[in-house]
PDB file of all heavy atoms in Angstrom:
ATOM      1  N   MET A   1     141.897  89.387   0.033  1.00  0.00           N
ATOM      2  CA  MET A   1     142.808  90.342  -0.676  1.00  0.00           C
ATOM      3  C   MET A   1     144.154  90.234  -0.160  1.00  0.00           C
ATOM      4  O   MET A   1     144.463  89.694   0.898  1.00  0.00           O
ATOM      5  CB  MET A   1     142.243  91.764  -0.427  1.00  0.00           C
ATOM      6  CG  MET A   1     142.439  92.218   0.973  1.00  0.00           C
ATOM      7  SD  MET A   1     141.797  93.909   1.172  1.00  0.00           S
ATOM      8  CE  MET A   1     142.223  94.235   2.951  1.00  0.00           C
ATOM      9  N   PRO A   2     145.193  90.730  -0.908  1.00  0.00           N
ATOM     10  CA  PRO A   2     146.554  90.627  -0.466  1.00  0.00           C
ATOM     11  C   PRO A   2     146.632  91.430   0.806  1.00  0.00           C
ATOM     12  O   PRO A   2     146.111  92.497   0.926  1.00  0.00           O
ATOM     13  CB  PRO A   2     147.325  91.269  -1.626  1.00  0.00           C
ATOM     14  CG  PRO A   2     146.493  91.139  -2.865  1.00  0.00           C
ATOM     15  CD  PRO A   2     145.055  91.172  -2.383  1.00  0.00           C
ATOM     16  N   ASP A   3     147.388  90.856   1.766  1.00  0.00           N
ATOM     17  CA  ASP A   3     147.552  91.604   3.016  1.00  0.00           C
ATOM     18  C   ASP A   3     148.653  92.660   2.960  1.00  0.00           C
ATOM     19  O   ASP A   3     149.879  92.229   2.746  1.00  0.00           O
ATOM     20  CB  ASP A   3     147.874  90.570   4.057  1.00  0.00           C
ATOM     21  CG  ASP A   3     147.879  91.157   5.423  1.00  0.00           C
ATOM     22  OD1 ASP A   3     147.912  92.368   5.639  1.00  0.00           O
ATOM     23  OD2 ASP A   3     147.912  90.424   6.480  1.00  0.00           O
ATOM     24  N   PRO A   4     148.387  93.938   3.065  1.00  0.00           N
ATOM     25  CA  PRO A   4     149.479  94.953   2.979  1.00  0.00           C
ATOM     26  C   PRO A   4     150.402  94.900   4.195  1.00  0.00           C
ATOM     27  O   PRO A   4     151.497  95.421   4.049  1.00  0.00           O
ATOM     28  CB  PRO A   4     148.705  96.276   2.922  1.00  0.00           C
ATOM     29  CG  PRO A   4     147.423  95.984   3.584  1.00  0.00           C
ATOM     30  CD  PRO A   4     147.098  94.554   3.257  1.00  0.00           C
ATOM     31  N   LEU A   5     150.049  94.218   5.276  1.00  0.00           N
ATOM     32  CA  LEU A   5     150.927  94.163   6.466  1.00  0.00           C
ATOM     33  C   LEU A   5     151.834  92.947   6.364  1.00  0.00           C
ATOM     34  O   LEU A   5     152.745  92.852   7.137  1.00  0.00           O
ATOM     35  CB  LEU A   5     150.055  94.158   7.693  1.00  0.00           C
ATOM     36  CG  LEU A   5     149.159  95.393   7.876  1.00  0.00           C
ATOM     37  CD1 LEU A   5     148.326  95.226   9.161  1.00  0.00           C
ATOM     38  CD2 LEU A   5     149.996  96.693   7.916  1.00  0.00           C
ATOM     39  N   ALA A   6     151.505  91.930   5.624  1.00  0.00           N
ATOM     40  CA  ALA A   6     152.230  90.702   5.409  1.00  0.00           C
ATOM     41  C   ALA A   6     152.339  90.297   4.050  1.00  0.00           C
ATOM     42  O   ALA A   6     151.398  89.505   3.582  1.00  0.00           O
ATOM     43  CB  ALA A   6     151.574  89.696   6.372  1.00  0.00           C
ATOM     44  N   PRO A   7     153.339  90.767   3.288  1.00  0.00           N
ATOM     45  CA  PRO A   7     153.475  90.337   1.855  1.00  0.00           C
ATOM     46  C   PRO A   7     153.376  88.864   1.669  1.00  0.00           C
ATOM     47  O   PRO A   7     153.746  88.060   2.413  1.00  0.00           O
ATOM     48  CB  PRO A   7     154.865  90.894   1.532  1.00  0.00           C
ATOM     49  CG  PRO A   7     155.077  92.031   2.509  1.00  0.00           C
ATOM     50  CD  PRO A   7     154.383  91.557   3.697  1.00  0.00           C
ATOM     51  N   LYS A   8     152.756  88.581   0.469  1.00  0.00           N
ATOM     52  CA  LYS A   8     152.505  87.206  -0.005  1.00  0.00           C
ATOM     53  C   LYS A   8     151.518  86.469   0.784  1.00  0.00           C
ATOM     54  O   LYS A   8     151.445  85.153   0.801  1.00  0.00           O
ATOM     55  CB  LYS A   8     153.887  86.478  -0.131  1.00  0.00           C
ATOM     56  CG  LYS A   8     154.811  87.125  -1.108  1.00  0.00           C
ATOM     57  CD  LYS A   8     156.067  86.306  -1.203  1.00  0.00           C
ATOM     58  CE  LYS A   8     157.036  87.074  -2.233  1.00  0.00           C
ATOM     59  NZ  LYS A   8     158.223  86.369  -2.434  1.00  0.00           N
ATOM     60  N   THR A   9     150.734  87.092   1.561  1.00  0.00           N
ATOM     61  CA  THR A   9     149.597  86.380   2.317  1.00  0.00           C
ATOM     62  C   THR A   9     148.380  87.076   1.930  1.00  0.00           C
ATOM     63  O   THR A   9     148.296  88.226   1.405  1.00  0.00           O
ATOM     64  CB  THR A   9     149.864  86.401   3.820  1.00  0.00           C
ATOM     65  OG1 THR A   9     149.851  87.780   4.302  1.00  0.00           O
ATOM     66  CG2 THR A   9     151.162  85.761   4.270  1.00  0.00           C
ATOM     67  N   MET A  10     147.280  86.366   2.303  1.00  0.00           N
ATOM     68  CA  MET A  10     145.914  86.966   1.908  1.00  0.00           C
ATOM     69  C   MET A  10     145.151  87.134   3.282  1.00  0.00           C
ATOM     70  O   MET A  10     145.453  86.393   4.260  1.00  0.00           O
ATOM     71  CB  MET A  10     145.071  85.970   1.110  1.00  0.00           C
ATOM     72  CG  MET A  10     145.774  85.575  -0.161  1.00  0.00           C
ATOM     73  SD  MET A  10     145.814  86.952  -1.311  1.00  0.00           S
ATOM     74  CE  MET A  10     144.123  86.991  -1.939  1.00  0.00           C
ATOM     75  N   VAL A  11     144.276  88.093   3.263  1.00  0.00           N
ATOM     76  CA  VAL A  11     143.484  88.317   4.521  1.00  0.00           C
ATOM     77  C   VAL A  11     142.060  88.317   3.948  1.00  0.00           C
ATOM     78  O   VAL A  11     141.638  88.862   2.948  1.00  0.00           O
ATOM     79  CB  VAL A  11     143.818  89.704   5.091  1.00  0.00           C
ATOM     80  CG1 VAL A  11     143.616  90.881   4.239  1.00  0.00           C
ATOM     81  CG2 VAL A  11     143.107  89.935   6.459  1.00  0.00           C
ATOM     82  N   LYS A  12     141.148  87.701   4.837  1.00  0.00           N
ATOM     83  CA  LYS A  12     139.665  87.678   4.478  1.00  0.00           C
ATOM     84  C   LYS A  12     139.083  89.029   4.932  1.00  0.00           C
ATOM     85  O   LYS A  12     139.512  89.604   5.944  1.00  0.00           O
ATOM     86  CB  LYS A  12     139.029  86.526   5.325  1.00  0.00           C
ATOM     87  CG  LYS A  12     139.506  85.256   4.769  1.00  0.00           C
ATOM     88  CD  LYS A  12     138.740  84.101   5.455  1.00  0.00           C
ATOM     89  CE  LYS A  12     139.216  82.732   4.916  1.00  0.00           C
ATOM     90  NZ  LYS A  12     138.436  81.583   5.474  1.00  0.00           N
ATOM     91  N   PHE A  13     138.080  89.438   4.187  1.00  0.00           N
ATOM     92  CA  PHE A  13     137.387  90.684   4.532  1.00  0.00           C
ATOM     93  C   PHE A  13     135.869  90.604   4.286  1.00  0.00           C
ATOM     94  O   PHE A  13     135.462  89.680   3.479  1.00  0.00           O
ATOM     95  CB  PHE A  13     138.034  91.848   3.882  1.00  0.00           C
ATOM     96  CG  PHE A  13     137.803  91.902   2.449  1.00  0.00           C
ATOM     97  CD1 PHE A  13     136.782  92.566   1.830  1.00  0.00           C
ATOM     98  CD2 PHE A  13     138.626  91.248   1.516  1.00  0.00           C
ATOM     99  CE1 PHE A  13     136.563  92.665   0.526  1.00  0.00           C
ATOM    100  CE2 PHE A  13     138.433  91.244   0.098  1.00  0.00           C
ATOM    101  CZ  PHE A  13     137.320  92.019  -0.411  1.00  0.00           C
ATOM    102  N   ARG A  14     135.118  91.470   4.845  1.00  0.00           N
ATOM    103  CA  ARG A  14     133.689  91.575   4.555  1.00  0.00           C
ATOM    104  C   ARG A  14     133.408  93.025   4.364  1.00  0.00           C
ATOM    105  O   ARG A  14     133.840  93.853   5.190  1.00  0.00           O
ATOM    106  CB  ARG A  14     132.938  90.955   5.706  1.00  0.00           C
ATOM    107  CG  ARG A  14     131.480  91.076   5.607  1.00  0.00           C
ATOM    108  CD  ARG A  14     130.817  90.329   6.840  1.00  0.00           C
ATOM    109  NE  ARG A  14     131.114  90.853   8.145  1.00  0.00           N
ATOM    110  CZ  ARG A  14     130.403  91.841   8.718  1.00  0.00           C
ATOM    111  NH1 ARG A  14     129.253  92.320   8.178  1.00  0.00           N
ATOM    112  NH2 ARG A  14     130.736  92.225   9.905  1.00  0.00           N
ATOM    113  N   GLU A  15     132.686  93.433   3.364  1.00  0.00           N
ATOM    114  CA  GLU A  15     132.169  94.735   3.123  1.00  0.00           C
ATOM    115  C   GLU A  15     130.685  94.818   3.124  1.00  0.00           C
ATOM    116  O   GLU A  15     130.045  93.924   2.550  1.00  0.00           O
ATOM    117  CB  GLU A  15     132.703  95.308   1.693  1.00  0.00           C
ATOM    118  CG  GLU A  15     134.175  95.550   1.638  1.00  0.00           C
ATOM    119  CD  GLU A  15     134.581  96.091   0.341  1.00  0.00           C
ATOM    120  OE1 GLU A  15     133.769  95.817  -0.715  1.00  0.00           O
ATOM    121  OE2 GLU A  15     135.594  96.716   0.223  1.00  0.00           O
ATOM    122  N   VAL A  16     130.165  95.817   3.808  1.00  0.00           N
ATOM    123  CA  VAL A  16     128.716  96.046   3.825  1.00  0.00           C
ATOM    124  C   VAL A  16     128.351  97.412   3.249  1.00  0.00           C
ATOM    125  O   VAL A  16     128.940  98.413   3.804  1.00  0.00           O
ATOM    126  CB  VAL A  16     128.156  95.952   5.257  1.00  0.00           C
ATOM    127  CG1 VAL A  16     126.698  96.165   5.342  1.00  0.00           C
ATOM    128  CG2 VAL A  16     128.582  94.536   5.860  1.00  0.00           C
ATOM    129  N   PHE A  17     127.586  97.478   2.257  1.00  0.00           N
ATOM    130  CA  PHE A  17     127.032  98.801   1.707  1.00  0.00           C
ATOM    131  C   PHE A  17     125.619  98.854   2.112  1.00  0.00           C
ATOM    132  O   PHE A  17     124.823  97.999   1.722  1.00  0.00           O
ATOM    133  CB  PHE A  17     127.195  98.794   0.140  1.00  0.00           C
ATOM    134  CG  PHE A  17     128.519  98.889  -0.299  1.00  0.00           C
ATOM    135  CD1 PHE A  17     129.377  97.701  -0.414  1.00  0.00           C
ATOM    136  CD2 PHE A  17     129.113 100.104  -0.693  1.00  0.00           C
ATOM    137  CE1 PHE A  17     130.697  97.940  -0.871  1.00  0.00           C
ATOM    138  CE2 PHE A  17     130.365 100.256  -1.200  1.00  0.00           C
ATOM    139  CZ  PHE A  17     131.126  99.178  -1.242  1.00  0.00           C
ATOM    140  N   ARG A  18     125.267  99.876   2.809  1.00  0.00           N
ATOM    141  CA  ARG A  18     123.915 100.003   3.371  1.00  0.00           C
ATOM    142  C   ARG A  18     123.345 101.394   2.949  1.00  0.00           C
ATOM    143  O   ARG A  18     124.008 102.366   3.057  1.00  0.00           O
ATOM    144  CB  ARG A  18     123.991  99.922   4.776  1.00  0.00           C
ATOM    145  CG  ARG A  18     122.746 100.089   5.624  1.00  0.00           C
ATOM    146  CD  ARG A  18     122.922  99.827   7.134  1.00  0.00           C
ATOM    147  NE  ARG A  18     124.089 100.391   7.710  1.00  0.00           N
ATOM    148  CZ  ARG A  18     124.175 101.488   8.285  1.00  0.00           C
ATOM    149  NH1 ARG A  18     123.070 102.359   8.302  1.00  0.00           N
ATOM    150  NH2 ARG A  18     125.319 101.948   8.804  1.00  0.00           N
ATOM    151  N   LEU A  19     122.079 101.357   2.484  1.00  0.00           N
ATOM    152  CA  LEU A  19     121.366 102.604   2.206  1.00  0.00           C
ATOM    153  C   LEU A  19     120.676 103.024   3.539  1.00  0.00           C
ATOM    154  O   LEU A  19     119.721 102.558   3.960  1.00  0.00           O
ATOM    155  CB  LEU A  19     120.271 102.257   1.094  1.00  0.00           C
ATOM    156  CG  LEU A  19     119.461 103.550   0.693  1.00  0.00           C
ATOM    157  CD1 LEU A  19     120.303 104.550   0.118  1.00  0.00           C
ATOM    158  CD2 LEU A  19     118.376 103.066  -0.182  1.00  0.00           C
ATOM    159  N   ALA A  20     121.353 104.043   4.124  1.00  0.00           N
ATOM    160  CA  ALA A  20     120.898 104.546   5.466  1.00  0.00           C
ATOM    161  C   ALA A  20     119.627 105.331   5.324  1.00  0.00           C
ATOM    162  O   ALA A  20     118.685 105.190   6.191  1.00  0.00           O
ATOM    163  CB  ALA A  20     121.979 105.365   6.084  1.00  0.00           C
ATOM    164  N   ASP A  21     119.501 106.130   4.309  1.00  0.00           N
ATOM    165  CA  ASP A  21     118.300 106.960   3.984  1.00  0.00           C
ATOM    166  C   ASP A  21     118.389 107.388   2.528  1.00  0.00           C
ATOM    167  O   ASP A  21     119.423 107.048   1.959  1.00  0.00           O
ATOM    168  CB  ASP A  21     118.094 108.066   4.951  1.00  0.00           C
ATOM    169  CG  ASP A  21     119.273 109.058   5.032  1.00  0.00           C
ATOM    170  OD1 ASP A  21     119.635 109.543   3.948  1.00  0.00           O
ATOM    171  OD2 ASP A  21     119.715 109.321   6.083  1.00  0.00           O
ATOM    172  N   PRO A  22     117.439 108.031   2.039  1.00  0.00           N
ATOM    173  CA  PRO A  22     117.513 108.379   0.554  1.00  0.00           C
ATOM    174  C   PRO A  22     118.644 109.253   0.133  1.00  0.00           C
ATOM    175  O   PRO A  22     119.148 109.354  -1.001  1.00  0.00           O
ATOM    176  CB  PRO A  22     116.163 109.135   0.273  1.00  0.00           C
ATOM    177  CG  PRO A  22     115.204 108.611   1.338  1.00  0.00           C
ATOM    178  CD  PRO A  22     116.067 108.315   2.610  1.00  0.00           C
ATOM    179  N   SER A  23     119.390 109.900   1.123  1.00  0.00           N
ATOM    180  CA  SER A  23     120.429 110.830   0.769  1.00  0.00           C
ATOM    181  C   SER A  23     121.804 110.319   1.312  1.00  0.00           C
ATOM    182  O   SER A  23     122.862 110.976   1.196  1.00  0.00           O
ATOM    183  CB  SER A  23     120.212 112.184   1.408  1.00  0.00           C
ATOM    184  OG  SER A  23     119.069 112.824   0.796  1.00  0.00           O
ATOM    185  N   ARG A  24     121.858 109.150   1.917  1.00  0.00           N
ATOM    186  CA  ARG A  24     123.099 108.655   2.585  1.00  0.00           C
ATOM    187  C   ARG A  24     123.264 107.184   2.440  1.00  0.00           C
ATOM    188  O   ARG A  24     122.371 106.429   2.608  1.00  0.00           O
ATOM    189  CB  ARG A  24     122.994 108.994   4.039  1.00  0.00           C
ATOM    190  CG  ARG A  24     124.283 109.287   4.698  1.00  0.00           C
ATOM    191  CD  ARG A  24     124.089 109.960   6.097  1.00  0.00           C
ATOM    192  NE  ARG A  24     122.942 109.355   6.814  1.00  0.00           N
ATOM    193  CZ  ARG A  24     123.108 108.550   7.868  1.00  0.00           C
ATOM    194  NH1 ARG A  24     124.370 108.203   8.240  1.00  0.00           N
ATOM    195  NH2 ARG A  24     122.154 108.114   8.520  1.00  0.00           N
ATOM    196  N   GLN A  25     124.566 106.789   2.041  1.00  0.00           N
ATOM    197  CA  GLN A  25     124.902 105.425   2.027  1.00  0.00           C
ATOM    198  C   GLN A  25     126.156 105.257   2.915  1.00  0.00           C
ATOM    199  O   GLN A  25     126.945 106.173   3.093  1.00  0.00           O
ATOM    200  CB  GLN A  25     125.350 104.938   0.584  1.00  0.00           C
ATOM    201  CG  GLN A  25     124.307 104.932  -0.426  1.00  0.00           C
ATOM    202  CD  GLN A  25     124.933 104.455  -1.803  1.00  0.00           C
ATOM    203  OE1 GLN A  25     125.825 103.654  -1.770  1.00  0.00           O
ATOM    204  NE2 GLN A  25     124.331 105.030  -2.895  1.00  0.00           N
ATOM    205  N   VAL A  26     126.245 104.050   3.512  1.00  0.00           N
ATOM    206  CA  VAL A  26     127.350 103.758   4.421  1.00  0.00           C
ATOM    207  C   VAL A  26     128.025 102.558   3.936  1.00  0.00           C
ATOM    208  O   VAL A  26     127.375 101.575   3.581  1.00  0.00           O
ATOM    209  CB  VAL A  26     126.857 103.625   5.879  1.00  0.00           C
ATOM    210  CG1 VAL A  26     128.000 103.255   6.754  1.00  0.00           C
ATOM    211  CG2 VAL A  26     126.134 104.734   6.330  1.00  0.00           C
ATOM    212  N   MET A  27     129.396 102.577   3.799  1.00  0.00           N
ATOM    213  CA  MET A  27     130.205 101.365   3.475  1.00  0.00           C
ATOM    214  C   MET A  27     131.093 101.044   4.693  1.00  0.00           C
ATOM    215  O   MET A  27     131.762 101.993   5.239  1.00  0.00           O
ATOM    216  CB  MET A  27     130.990 101.698   2.248  1.00  0.00           C
ATOM    217  CG  MET A  27     131.877 100.447   1.849  1.00  0.00           C
ATOM    218  SD  MET A  27     133.266 100.104   2.657  1.00  0.00           S
ATOM    219  CE  MET A  27     134.507 100.590   1.531  1.00  0.00           C
ATOM    220  N   GLU A  28     131.047  99.881   5.166  1.00  0.00           N
ATOM    221  CA  GLU A  28     131.921  99.349   6.260  1.00  0.00           C
ATOM    222  C   GLU A  28     132.799  98.280   5.735  1.00  0.00           C
ATOM    223  O   GLU A  28     132.277  97.372   4.968  1.00  0.00           O
ATOM    224  CB  GLU A  28     131.058  98.877   7.415  1.00  0.00           C
ATOM    225  CG  GLU A  28     130.226  99.921   8.089  1.00  0.00           C
ATOM    226  CD  GLU A  28     129.286  99.319   9.138  1.00  0.00           C
ATOM    227  OE1 GLU A  28     129.296  98.094   9.260  1.00  0.00           O
ATOM    228  OE2 GLU A  28     128.800 100.084   9.866  1.00  0.00           O
ATOM    229  N   MET A  29     134.003  98.215   6.189  1.00  0.00           N
ATOM    230  CA  MET A  29     134.893  97.185   5.752  1.00  0.00           C
ATOM    231  C   MET A  29     135.433  96.583   7.084  1.00  0.00           C
ATOM    232  O   MET A  29     135.857  97.226   8.006  1.00  0.00           O
ATOM    233  CB  MET A  29     136.127  97.531   4.934  1.00  0.00           C
ATOM    234  CG  MET A  29     136.984  96.476   4.441  1.00  0.00           C
ATOM    235  SD  MET A  29     138.126  97.080   3.221  1.00  0.00           S
ATOM    236  CE  MET A  29     139.035  95.609   2.874  1.00  0.00           C
ATOM    237  N   HIS A  30     135.421  95.147   7.093  1.00  0.00           N
ATOM    238  CA  HIS A  30     135.856  94.455   8.244  1.00  0.00           C
ATOM    239  C   HIS A  30     136.906  93.412   7.749  1.00  0.00           C
ATOM    240  O   HIS A  30     136.696  92.786   6.773  1.00  0.00           O
ATOM    241  CB  HIS A  30     134.655  93.597   8.848  1.00  0.00           C
ATOM    242  CG  HIS A  30     133.498  94.460   9.244  1.00  0.00           C
ATOM    243  ND1 HIS A  30     133.299  94.989  10.499  1.00  0.00           N
ATOM    244  CD2 HIS A  30     132.480  95.093   8.464  1.00  0.00           C
ATOM    245  CE1 HIS A  30     132.223  95.732  10.509  1.00  0.00           C
ATOM    246  NE2 HIS A  30     131.681  95.701   9.287  1.00  0.00           N
ATOM    247  N   GLU A  31     138.011  93.331   8.440  1.00  0.00           N
ATOM    248  CA  GLU A  31     139.078  92.361   8.158  1.00  0.00           C
ATOM    249  C   GLU A  31     139.087  91.275   9.248  1.00  0.00           C
ATOM    250  O   GLU A  31     138.833  91.546  10.421  1.00  0.00           O
ATOM    251  CB  GLU A  31     140.338  92.985   7.972  1.00  0.00           C
ATOM    252  CG  GLU A  31     140.452  94.013   6.877  1.00  0.00           C
ATOM    253  CD  GLU A  31     141.813  94.591   6.837  1.00  0.00           C
ATOM    254  OE1 GLU A  31     142.819  94.192   7.409  1.00  0.00           O
ATOM    255  OE2 GLU A  31     141.891  95.667   5.975  1.00  0.00           O
ATOM    256  N   THR A  32     139.458  90.052   8.833  1.00  0.00           N
ATOM    257  CA  THR A  32     139.557  88.984   9.864  1.00  0.00           C
ATOM    258  C   THR A  32     141.048  88.626   9.952  1.00  0.00           C
ATOM    259  O   THR A  32     141.691  88.214   8.928  1.00  0.00           O
ATOM    260  CB  THR A  32     138.747  87.754   9.394  1.00  0.00           C
ATOM    261  OG1 THR A  32     137.379  88.214   9.328  1.00  0.00           O
ATOM    262  CG2 THR A  32     138.972  86.640  10.423  1.00  0.00           C
ATOM    263  N   ARG A  33     141.656  88.885  11.048  1.00  0.00           N
ATOM    264  CA  ARG A  33     143.002  88.514  11.310  1.00  0.00           C
ATOM    265  C   ARG A  33     143.061  87.670  12.663  1.00  0.00           C
ATOM    266  O   ARG A  33     142.428  88.032  13.608  1.00  0.00           O
ATOM    267  CB  ARG A  33     143.847  89.726  11.568  1.00  0.00           C
ATOM    268  CG  ARG A  33     143.963  90.556  10.339  1.00  0.00           C
ATOM    269  CD  ARG A  33     144.646  91.895  10.535  1.00  0.00           C
ATOM    270  NE  ARG A  33     144.681  92.699   9.337  1.00  0.00           N
ATOM    271  CZ  ARG A  33     145.556  92.591   8.344  1.00  0.00           C
ATOM    272  NH1 ARG A  33     146.458  91.681   8.347  1.00  0.00           N
ATOM    273  NH2 ARG A  33     145.407  93.368   7.280  1.00  0.00           N
ATOM    274  N   ASP A  34     143.857  86.592  12.602  1.00  0.00           N
ATOM    275  CA  ASP A  34     143.971  85.662  13.759  1.00  0.00           C
ATOM    276  C   ASP A  34     142.627  85.253  14.284  1.00  0.00           C
ATOM    277  O   ASP A  34     142.366  85.050  15.480  1.00  0.00           O
ATOM    278  CB  ASP A  34     144.776  86.350  14.918  1.00  0.00           C
ATOM    279  CG  ASP A  34     146.214  86.698  14.581  1.00  0.00           C
ATOM    280  OD1 ASP A  34     146.779  85.948  13.743  1.00  0.00           O
ATOM    281  OD2 ASP A  34     146.609  87.734  15.031  1.00  0.00           O
ATOM    282  N   GLY A  35     141.672  84.958  13.242  1.00  0.00           N
ATOM    283  CA  GLY A  35     140.392  84.585  13.700  1.00  0.00           C
ATOM    284  C   GLY A  35     139.371  85.646  14.280  1.00  0.00           C
ATOM    285  O   GLY A  35     138.282  85.246  14.616  1.00  0.00           O
ATOM    286  N   LYS A  36     139.855  86.853  14.401  1.00  0.00           N
ATOM    287  CA  LYS A  36     138.998  87.856  14.941  1.00  0.00           C
ATOM    288  C   LYS A  36     138.720  88.942  13.867  1.00  0.00           C
ATOM    289  O   LYS A  36     139.561  89.460  13.261  1.00  0.00           O
ATOM    290  CB  LYS A  36     139.711  88.473  16.102  1.00  0.00           C
ATOM    291  CG  LYS A  36     139.849  87.526  17.219  1.00  0.00           C
ATOM    292  CD  LYS A  36     140.561  88.233  18.456  1.00  0.00           C
ATOM    293  CE  LYS A  36     140.924  87.234  19.490  1.00  0.00           C
ATOM    294  NZ  LYS A  36     141.688  87.749  20.572  1.00  0.00           N
ATOM    295  N   GLU A  37     137.365  89.240  13.738  1.00  0.00           N
ATOM    296  CA  GLU A  37     136.975  90.218  12.851  1.00  0.00           C
ATOM    297  C   GLU A  37     137.000  91.590  13.488  1.00  0.00           C
ATOM    298  O   GLU A  37     136.484  91.807  14.608  1.00  0.00           O
ATOM    299  CB  GLU A  37     135.593  89.935  12.262  1.00  0.00           C
ATOM    300  CG  GLU A  37     135.224  90.922  11.185  1.00  0.00           C
ATOM    301  CD  GLU A  37     133.775  90.573  10.638  1.00  0.00           C
ATOM    302  OE1 GLU A  37     132.761  91.029  11.343  1.00  0.00           O
ATOM    303  OE2 GLU A  37     133.643  90.032   9.561  1.00  0.00           O
ATOM    304  N   ALA A  38     137.479  92.618  12.791  1.00  0.00           N
ATOM    305  CA  ALA A  38     137.483  93.990  13.289  1.00  0.00           C
ATOM    306  C   ALA A  38     137.162  95.009  12.116  1.00  0.00           C
ATOM    307  O   ALA A  38     137.523  94.779  10.966  1.00  0.00           O
ATOM    308  CB  ALA A  38     138.842  94.332  13.797  1.00  0.00           C
ATOM    309  N   LYS A  39     136.378  96.002  12.472  1.00  0.00           N
ATOM    310  CA  LYS A  39     136.076  97.007  11.532  1.00  0.00           C
ATOM    311  C   LYS A  39     137.252  97.859  11.202  1.00  0.00           C
ATOM    312  O   LYS A  39     137.975  98.342  12.065  1.00  0.00           O
ATOM    313  CB  LYS A  39     134.948  97.922  12.036  1.00  0.00           C
ATOM    314  CG  LYS A  39     134.442  98.980  10.889  1.00  0.00           C
ATOM    315  CD  LYS A  39     133.762 100.055  11.505  1.00  0.00           C
ATOM    316  CE  LYS A  39     132.341 100.038  11.611  1.00  0.00           C
ATOM    317  NZ  LYS A  39     131.590 101.162  11.987  1.00  0.00           N
ATOM    318  N   THR A  40     137.683  97.992   9.919  1.00  0.00           N
ATOM    319  CA  THR A  40     138.839  98.690   9.508  1.00  0.00           C
ATOM    320  C   THR A  40     138.551 100.030   8.761  1.00  0.00           C
ATOM    321  O   THR A  40     139.505 100.826   8.637  1.00  0.00           O
ATOM    322  CB  THR A  40     139.786  97.862   8.726  1.00  0.00           C
ATOM    323  OG1 THR A  40     139.081  97.409   7.589  1.00  0.00           O
ATOM    324  CG2 THR A  40     140.315  96.642   9.596  1.00  0.00           C
ATOM    325  N   MET A  41     137.341 100.176   8.307  1.00  0.00           N
ATOM    326  CA  MET A  41     137.090 101.304   7.561  1.00  0.00           C
ATOM    327  C   MET A  41     135.542 101.664   7.588  1.00  0.00           C
ATOM    328  O   MET A  41     134.761 100.645   7.599  1.00  0.00           O
ATOM    329  CB  MET A  41     137.613 101.220   6.197  1.00  0.00           C
ATOM    330  CG  MET A  41     137.315 102.382   5.286  1.00  0.00           C
ATOM    331  SD  MET A  41     137.899 102.400   3.593  1.00  0.00           S
ATOM    332  CE  MET A  41     138.010 100.677   3.062  1.00  0.00           C
ATOM    333  N   GLU A  42     135.258 102.915   7.576  1.00  0.00           N
ATOM    334  CA  GLU A  42     133.778 103.306   7.327  1.00  0.00           C
ATOM    335  C   GLU A  42     133.743 104.523   6.465  1.00  0.00           C
ATOM    336  O   GLU A  42     134.553 105.511   6.695  1.00  0.00           O
ATOM    337  CB  GLU A  42     133.037 103.521   8.646  1.00  0.00           C
ATOM    338  CG  GLU A  42     131.650 103.955   8.427  1.00  0.00           C
ATOM    339  CD  GLU A  42     130.797 104.164   9.642  1.00  0.00           C
ATOM    340  OE1 GLU A  42     130.535 103.107  10.318  1.00  0.00           O
ATOM    341  OE2 GLU A  42     130.629 105.349  10.070  1.00  0.00           O
ATOM    342  N   ILE A  43     133.014 104.565   5.370  1.00  0.00           N
ATOM    343  CA  ILE A  43     132.801 105.624   4.550  1.00  0.00           C
ATOM    344  C   ILE A  43     131.361 105.989   4.516  1.00  0.00           C
ATOM    345  O   ILE A  43     130.540 105.109   4.282  1.00  0.00           O
ATOM    346  CB  ILE A  43     133.354 105.516   3.119  1.00  0.00           C
ATOM    347  CG1 ILE A  43     134.847 105.019   3.176  1.00  0.00           C
ATOM    348  CG2 ILE A  43     133.087 106.650   2.210  1.00  0.00           C
ATOM    349  CD1 ILE A  43     135.453 104.687   1.804  1.00  0.00           C
ATOM    350  N   VAL A  44     131.037 107.242   4.703  1.00  0.00           N
ATOM    351  CA  VAL A  44     129.567 107.724   4.631  1.00  0.00           C
ATOM    352  C   VAL A  44     129.513 108.601   3.354  1.00  0.00           C
ATOM    353  O   VAL A  44     130.233 109.610   3.185  1.00  0.00           O
ATOM    354  CB  VAL A  44     129.204 108.495   5.949  1.00  0.00           C
ATOM    355  CG1 VAL A  44     127.731 109.056   5.701  1.00  0.00           C
ATOM    356  CG2 VAL A  44     129.401 107.663   7.097  1.00  0.00           C
TER     357      VAL A  44
END
């Protein structure tokens, strides 16, 4: 996706949508910067 911190560059990301139980889903987003992946968001 376009990198909001560095215009005109792209950043790799990974999103995981998980069914935690019948009443709950979890979405996690991880971005890779400088070769290191870090979790940047979680929505329940």
